[in-house]
Protein backbone atom coordinates (compact mmCIF):
# COMPACT_ATOMS: atom_id res chain seq x y z
CA MET A 1 0.03 -0.01 -0.02
CA ILE A 2 1.03 3.57 -0.73
CA TYR A 3 -0.18 6.50 1.36
CA ARG A 4 -0.10 9.96 -0.20
CA SER A 5 -0.87 13.54 0.63
CA LYS A 6 -0.55 17.00 -0.82
CA ALA A 7 -0.98 20.44 0.70
CA PRO A 8 -1.01 23.83 -1.10
CA LEU A 9 1.50 26.60 -0.62
CA ARG A 10 0.15 30.10 0.09
CA ILE A 11 0.68 33.81 -0.46
CA GLY A 12 0.02 36.22 2.34
CA LEU A 13 -1.91 39.20 1.06
CA ALA A 14 -2.07 41.30 4.23
CA GLY A 15 -1.18 41.26 7.93
CA GLY A 16 1.97 39.29 7.55
CA GLY A 17 4.00 38.96 10.79
CA THR A 18 1.15 39.59 13.20
CA ASP A 19 0.78 35.81 13.68
CA VAL A 20 4.20 35.59 15.30
CA SER A 21 4.65 35.41 19.08
CA PRO A 22 4.88 37.43 21.28
CA TYR A 23 2.94 40.01 19.23
CA CYS A 24 -0.19 37.95 18.68
CA ASP A 25 -0.20 36.81 22.32
CA LEU A 26 -0.13 40.39 23.52
CA TYR A 27 -2.23 42.21 20.94
CA GLY A 28 -3.87 39.60 18.71
CA GLY A 29 -3.01 39.09 15.06
CA ALA A 30 -4.90 39.18 11.80
CA ILE A 31 -3.82 37.86 8.40
CA LEU A 32 -5.43 37.39 5.01
CA ASN A 33 -3.88 34.71 2.78
CA ALA A 34 -4.76 32.51 -0.25
CA THR A 35 -3.61 29.06 -1.30
CA LEU A 36 -2.01 28.42 -4.70
CA SER A 37 -1.74 25.63 -7.23
CA LEU A 38 1.79 24.89 -5.92
CA TYR A 39 2.07 21.99 -3.52
CA ALA A 40 4.12 20.03 -1.00
CA TYR A 41 3.79 16.26 -1.49
CA ALA A 42 4.44 13.32 0.80
CA THR A 43 4.34 9.59 0.08
CA ILE A 44 4.77 6.70 2.54
CA GLU A 45 5.60 3.27 1.13
CA LEU A 46 5.64 0.29 3.47
CA LEU A 47 8.78 -1.91 3.52
CA ASP A 48 9.23 -5.52 4.59
CA GLU A 49 12.61 -4.75 6.19
CA LYS A 50 13.15 -2.88 9.44
CA LYS A 51 14.39 0.33 7.84
CA ILE A 52 13.31 3.94 7.62
CA ILE A 53 14.24 5.63 4.38
CA LEU A 54 13.82 9.42 4.01
CA HIS A 55 13.96 10.86 0.57
CA ALA A 56 13.61 14.60 -0.18
CA ALA A 57 13.30 14.23 -3.94
CA ASP A 58 13.42 18.01 -4.65
CA GLN A 59 16.68 18.35 -2.75
CA GLY A 60 18.20 15.11 -3.91
CA ILE A 61 18.79 13.88 -0.37
CA LEU A 62 18.35 10.23 0.65
CA LEU A 63 18.89 8.95 4.24
CA THR A 64 18.51 5.40 5.54
CA PHE A 65 18.20 4.37 9.18
CA GLU A 66 17.55 1.18 11.02
CA LYS A 67 13.97 1.19 12.44
CA THR A 68 14.06 3.19 15.67
CA GLU A 69 11.65 5.18 17.80
CA THR A 70 13.65 8.41 17.49
CA LEU A 71 15.58 9.77 14.58
CA PRO A 72 18.44 12.21 15.23
CA ILE A 73 17.67 15.91 14.86
CA ASP A 74 20.98 17.02 13.32
CA GLY A 75 20.21 19.56 10.64
CA GLU A 76 19.53 17.04 7.78
CA LEU A 77 15.90 16.56 6.81
CA ASP A 78 14.84 17.54 10.36
CA LEU A 79 11.26 18.35 9.26
CA LEU A 80 10.79 14.77 8.07
CA LYS A 81 12.44 13.36 11.18
CA GLY A 82 10.53 15.68 13.50
CA VAL A 83 7.16 14.56 12.19
CA TYR A 84 8.07 10.89 12.49
CA ASN A 85 9.43 11.34 16.03
CA ARG A 86 6.25 13.02 17.21
CA ILE A 87 3.85 10.63 15.49
CA GLN A 88 5.87 7.65 16.86
CA GLN A 89 5.74 9.15 20.36
CA ASP A 90 2.00 9.96 20.30
CA TYR A 91 0.53 7.15 18.19
CA GLY A 92 3.20 4.54 17.43
CA VAL A 93 4.15 3.77 13.80
CA ASN A 94 3.65 0.01 14.09
CA VAL A 95 4.97 -1.11 10.71
CA PRO A 96 8.16 -3.07 9.94
CA GLY A 97 9.63 -0.15 7.96
CA PHE A 98 8.74 2.55 5.47
CA LYS A 99 10.05 4.98 2.91
CA LEU A 100 8.93 8.58 3.17
CA THR A 101 9.34 10.64 0.01
CA THR A 102 8.66 14.39 -0.12
CA TYR A 103 8.69 17.02 -2.84
CA VAL A 104 7.92 20.73 -2.68
CA GLU A 105 7.13 22.85 -5.78
CA ALA A 106 8.99 25.91 -4.53
CA PRO A 107 12.51 26.28 -3.01
CA PRO A 108 13.06 26.44 0.77
CA GLY A 109 13.15 29.97 2.10
CA SER A 110 11.08 31.32 -0.82
CA GLY A 111 8.32 32.91 1.34
CA LEU A 112 5.38 30.74 0.36
CA GLY A 113 5.26 28.72 3.54
CA THR A 114 7.17 25.81 2.20
CA SER A 115 8.49 24.36 5.45
CA SER A 116 5.17 24.46 7.32
CA THR A 117 3.26 23.19 4.29
CA LEU A 118 5.68 20.26 4.01
CA VAL A 119 5.12 19.39 7.69
CA VAL A 120 1.32 19.51 7.17
CA ALA A 121 1.73 17.15 4.12
CA ILE A 122 3.88 14.68 6.08
CA VAL A 123 1.49 14.72 9.02
CA GLY A 124 -1.35 14.09 6.56
CA ALA A 125 0.44 11.06 5.04
CA PHE A 126 0.97 9.55 8.51
CA ALA A 127 -2.64 10.32 9.44
CA GLU A 128 -3.73 8.45 6.25
CA LEU A 129 -1.47 5.52 7.18
CA LEU A 130 -2.59 5.27 10.77
CA SER A 131 -6.23 6.49 10.30
CA LEU A 132 -5.68 9.20 12.85
CA PRO A 133 -8.80 11.11 13.93
CA LEU A 134 -7.48 14.63 13.28
CA GLY A 135 -9.80 17.42 12.20
CA GLU A 136 -8.56 20.49 10.33
CA TYR A 137 -7.78 22.58 13.42
CA ASP A 138 -6.18 19.56 15.11
CA MET A 139 -4.04 18.88 12.10
CA ALA A 140 -2.85 22.43 11.71
CA HIS A 141 -2.06 22.82 15.46
CA TYR A 142 -0.29 19.49 15.55
CA ALA A 143 1.94 20.59 12.64
CA TYR A 144 2.55 23.92 14.37
CA GLU A 145 3.63 22.17 17.58
CA ILE A 146 6.08 19.92 15.73
CA GLU A 147 7.74 22.75 13.91
CA ARG A 148 7.71 25.46 16.58
CA GLN A 149 7.91 23.50 19.84
CA ASP A 150 9.55 20.16 19.04
CA LEU A 151 12.04 21.44 16.44
CA LYS A 152 12.29 24.96 17.93
CA LEU A 153 12.07 26.64 14.53
CA ALA A 154 10.98 30.29 14.74
CA GLY A 155 8.00 31.37 12.76
CA GLY A 156 4.33 32.24 12.79
CA ARG A 157 1.08 30.28 12.78
CA GLN A 158 -0.58 31.11 9.47
CA ASP A 159 1.19 28.65 7.19
CA GLN A 160 0.00 25.47 8.91
CA TYR A 161 -3.64 26.62 8.86
CA ALA A 162 -3.48 27.82 5.22
CA ALA A 163 -2.05 24.54 4.09
CA THR A 164 -4.64 22.51 6.05
CA PHE A 165 -7.79 24.56 5.28
CA GLY A 166 -7.02 25.92 1.77
CA GLY A 167 -8.82 28.78 0.04
CA VAL A 168 -8.86 32.50 0.80
CA ASN A 169 -9.05 33.00 4.55
CA PHE A 170 -9.09 35.82 7.06
CA MET A 171 -7.28 34.39 10.13
CA GLU A 172 -7.23 35.71 13.68
CA PHE A 173 -4.55 34.75 16.21
CA TYR A 174 -4.78 35.10 19.98
CA THR A 175 -2.95 34.08 23.15
CA ASN A 176 -2.68 30.37 24.20
CA ASP A 177 -2.44 29.32 20.54
CA LYS A 178 -6.06 30.20 19.79
CA VAL A 179 -6.64 30.52 16.06
CA LEU A 180 -9.85 31.34 14.10
CA VAL A 181 -9.98 30.64 10.37
CA ASN A 182 -12.70 32.56 8.56
CA PRO A 183 -13.17 31.44 4.93
CA LEU A 184 -14.08 34.34 2.64
CA ARG A 185 -16.84 33.93 0.09
CA ILE A 186 -15.38 36.01 -2.69
CA LYS A 187 -17.15 36.26 -5.98
CA ARG A 188 -15.59 34.14 -8.70
CA GLU A 189 -15.05 37.07 -11.07
CA TYR A 190 -13.24 39.01 -8.30
CA LEU A 191 -10.86 36.09 -7.76
CA PHE A 192 -10.29 35.75 -11.49
CA GLU A 193 -9.39 39.40 -11.72
CA LEU A 194 -7.14 39.21 -8.71
CA GLU A 195 -5.41 36.17 -10.18
CA HIS A 196 -4.96 37.94 -13.50
CA ASN A 197 -3.48 41.10 -11.98
CA LEU A 198 -1.39 39.67 -9.19
CA LEU A 199 2.12 38.85 -10.43
CA LEU A 200 4.09 36.26 -8.45
CA TYR A 201 7.72 37.02 -9.03
CA TYR A 202 10.63 34.83 -7.79
CA THR A 203 13.74 36.84 -7.08
CA SER A 204 15.88 33.68 -7.54
CA THR A 205 17.13 34.07 -3.98
CA SER A 206 16.15 32.42 -0.74
CA ARG A 207 16.60 33.50 2.85
CA GLU A 208 16.61 32.04 6.34
CA SER A 209 13.29 33.31 7.67
CA ALA A 210 14.02 32.24 11.22
CA ARG A 211 16.64 34.95 11.72
CA ILE A 212 14.35 37.72 10.51
CA ILE A 213 11.49 36.42 12.66
CA GLU A 214 13.70 36.24 15.72
CA LYS A 215 14.59 39.90 15.25
CA GLN A 216 10.91 40.75 14.85
CA SER A 217 10.05 38.88 18.11
CA ARG A 218 12.94 40.55 19.91
CA ASN A 219 11.69 44.00 18.84
CA VAL A 220 8.31 43.24 20.46
CA ASN A 221 9.90 41.83 23.64
CA GLU A 222 12.10 44.97 23.87
CA LYS A 223 9.02 47.20 23.26
CA ASP A 224 10.31 48.81 20.12
CA GLN A 225 7.39 51.12 19.57
CA ASP A 226 8.05 51.68 15.87
CA ALA A 227 8.00 47.97 15.21
CA ILE A 228 4.93 47.37 17.35
CA GLU A 229 3.04 50.26 15.68
CA ALA A 230 3.93 48.83 12.28
CA MET A 231 2.39 45.51 13.28
CA HIS A 232 -0.73 47.33 14.50
CA GLN A 233 -0.96 48.93 11.03
CA LEU A 234 -0.61 45.58 9.34
CA LYS A 235 -3.67 44.36 11.18
CA VAL A 236 -5.43 47.38 9.80
CA GLN A 237 -4.19 46.41 6.37
CA ALA A 238 -5.64 42.88 6.76
CA ASN A 239 -9.08 44.30 7.38
CA LEU A 240 -8.78 46.77 4.47
CA MET A 241 -7.81 43.85 2.20
CA LYS A 242 -10.75 41.76 3.40
CA GLU A 243 -13.22 44.57 2.65
CA ALA A 244 -11.67 45.22 -0.78
CA LEU A 245 -11.95 41.61 -1.81
CA LEU A 246 -15.42 41.00 -0.51
CA THR A 247 -16.84 44.18 -2.10
CA GLY A 248 -14.97 43.95 -5.37
CA LYS A 249 -12.95 47.15 -4.91
CA LEU A 250 -9.93 45.57 -6.61
CA ASN A 251 -8.65 48.94 -7.74
CA LYS A 252 -7.62 49.49 -4.13
CA ILE A 253 -5.55 46.28 -3.87
CA GLY A 254 -2.27 47.85 -5.04
CA GLU A 255 -2.65 50.76 -2.68
CA ILE A 256 -3.34 48.42 0.23
CA LEU A 257 -0.35 46.25 -0.66
CA ASP A 258 1.87 49.34 -0.86
CA PHE A 259 0.68 50.52 2.53
CA GLY A 260 1.67 47.13 3.99
CA PHE A 261 5.07 47.18 2.28
CA GLN A 262 5.85 50.54 3.93
CA GLN A 263 4.84 49.17 7.34
CA LYS A 264 6.50 45.77 7.11
CA ARG A 265 9.96 47.12 6.44
CA LYS A 266 9.75 48.80 9.92
CA MET A 267 9.19 45.47 11.77
CA ALA A 268 12.76 44.27 11.69
CA GLU A 269 16.10 44.71 10.05
CA GLY A 270 16.60 42.47 6.97
CA ILE A 271 12.98 42.35 5.83
CA SER A 272 13.84 44.63 2.96
CA THR A 273 17.22 45.23 1.24
CA ASP A 274 18.51 47.77 -1.24
CA TRP A 275 18.10 45.16 -4.00
CA ILE A 276 14.47 44.44 -3.04
CA GLU A 277 13.77 48.16 -2.91
CA GLU A 278 15.17 48.61 -6.37
CA ILE A 279 13.00 45.78 -7.75
CA TYR A 280 9.96 47.23 -6.05
CA GLU A 281 10.47 50.76 -7.44
CA GLU A 282 11.11 49.45 -10.96
CA ALA A 283 7.91 47.36 -10.79
CA LYS A 284 5.92 50.45 -9.78
CA LYS A 285 7.46 52.53 -12.59
CA ALA A 286 6.45 49.81 -15.01
CA GLY A 287 2.82 49.93 -13.93
CA ALA A 288 2.37 48.04 -10.64
CA THR A 289 0.37 49.98 -8.10
CA GLY A 290 1.81 48.07 -5.07
CA GLY A 291 3.34 44.87 -3.90
CA LYS A 292 4.98 43.04 -1.04
CA ILE A 293 7.67 40.60 -0.03
CA SER A 294 6.14 37.19 0.57
CA GLY A 295 6.83 35.56 3.89
CA ALA A 296 9.34 36.89 6.36
CA GLY A 297 11.19 39.00 3.84
CA GLY A 298 14.80 39.27 2.77
CA GLY A 299 14.33 37.43 -0.59
CA GLY A 300 12.30 34.69 -2.10
CA PHE A 301 9.00 35.61 -3.80
CA MET A 302 7.50 39.02 -4.18
CA ILE A 303 3.98 39.86 -5.41
CA PHE A 304 2.90 42.86 -7.38
CA TYR A 305 -0.57 44.13 -8.24
CA CYS A 306 -0.64 45.08 -11.92
CA PRO A 307 -3.96 46.54 -13.05
CA GLY A 308 -5.24 46.34 -16.62
CA THR A 309 -2.56 44.75 -18.80
CA THR A 310 0.43 46.30 -17.03
CA LYS A 311 1.53 42.88 -15.83
CA TYR A 312 3.31 42.14 -19.14
CA ASN A 313 5.36 45.30 -18.99
CA VAL A 314 6.27 44.62 -15.32
CA ILE A 315 7.44 41.11 -16.21
CA LYS A 316 9.60 42.53 -19.02
CA VAL A 317 11.17 45.19 -16.81
CA LEU A 318 11.83 42.79 -13.90
CA SER A 319 13.67 40.37 -16.18
CA GLN A 320 16.82 42.53 -15.72
CA PHE A 321 17.06 41.40 -12.12
CA GLY A 322 17.42 37.70 -13.00
CA GLY A 323 14.14 36.59 -11.48
CA MET A 324 11.16 35.04 -13.10
CA GLU A 325 7.35 35.01 -13.10
CA LYS A 326 5.76 31.98 -11.47
CA ARG A 327 2.41 30.92 -12.99
CA TYR A 328 -0.30 29.87 -10.50
CA GLU A 329 -4.02 29.68 -9.84
CA PHE A 330 -5.84 30.12 -6.58
CA VAL A 331 -7.17 26.85 -5.11
CA LYS A 332 -9.98 26.17 -2.66
CA HIS A 333 -8.90 22.89 -1.28
CA GLY A 334 -6.38 22.39 1.59
CA LEU A 335 -4.65 19.15 2.62
CA SER A 336 -5.72 16.09 0.70
CA THR A 337 -4.78 12.51 1.55
CA TRP A 338 -5.45 9.20 -0.17
CA THR A 339 -4.37 5.59 -0.36
CA VAL A 340 -3.26 3.68 -3.45
């Protein structure tokens, strides 16, 4: 038997960073995001021998271990190992051996929630194998605990919930890990127009989001008022984005994104760079009305709102920076699992 899963990557449209502790614990966070037709995949194949084989096909890494209850967390495929360790601890993986193969359709550190989405996909594959009774909130929180608590990786909360639920969601984050996911019923023609005008641009660089997020958290702990006020404004941005999408005021999207870009760069050093600023300004000169850095910042993907037919000129102008457009569609479904 083969047990499979896939979970969609996401773009954050507004409120990014307000889902990170300690800010959301103290003030509450709000984020609006949407899942894309780019996925993290996980496959579990049962083996007759007492071995555990981990294969990250996108990275070309293959590790083999004797069957054990705990795999070493040593910097190599720790996301795969961390999920297995936690599932083994809580539920027991009572099979002779298995091969876990993963693949992600975007590079690590690209700002589309790749790490968290991969964790969700792996949890989903094990849930399919073991028939675990995990609902959507359970699944997302379980993935969050593995990544943030077990593996001690800095980051927010939105990615696990986006990957699990799918669709366009307005999410609220509170103390004690309380999360509310509010699916938005956006008219199909509004989504088509947003999809047409929103350019997803890969800068051909990646970054270590944990370092940027640690600086952001430190700024809140040290009561950096500029950083905290910027996060307050990003919550305002999330509500403005929600209203614009629900009411079809898409001509305001670029302005709302630009407002968020100005705020986000105040949250922590490293979110923006001179190179990113140059890309941003050239995109606006070419016709974009606003944009943002996806994820924690520092590199990876950027998005630009290009009204009318300006997208084609923006793509042409940005080619000088060595990046590329990434084609996508919005998707409604979240984590999917099945058995072959």
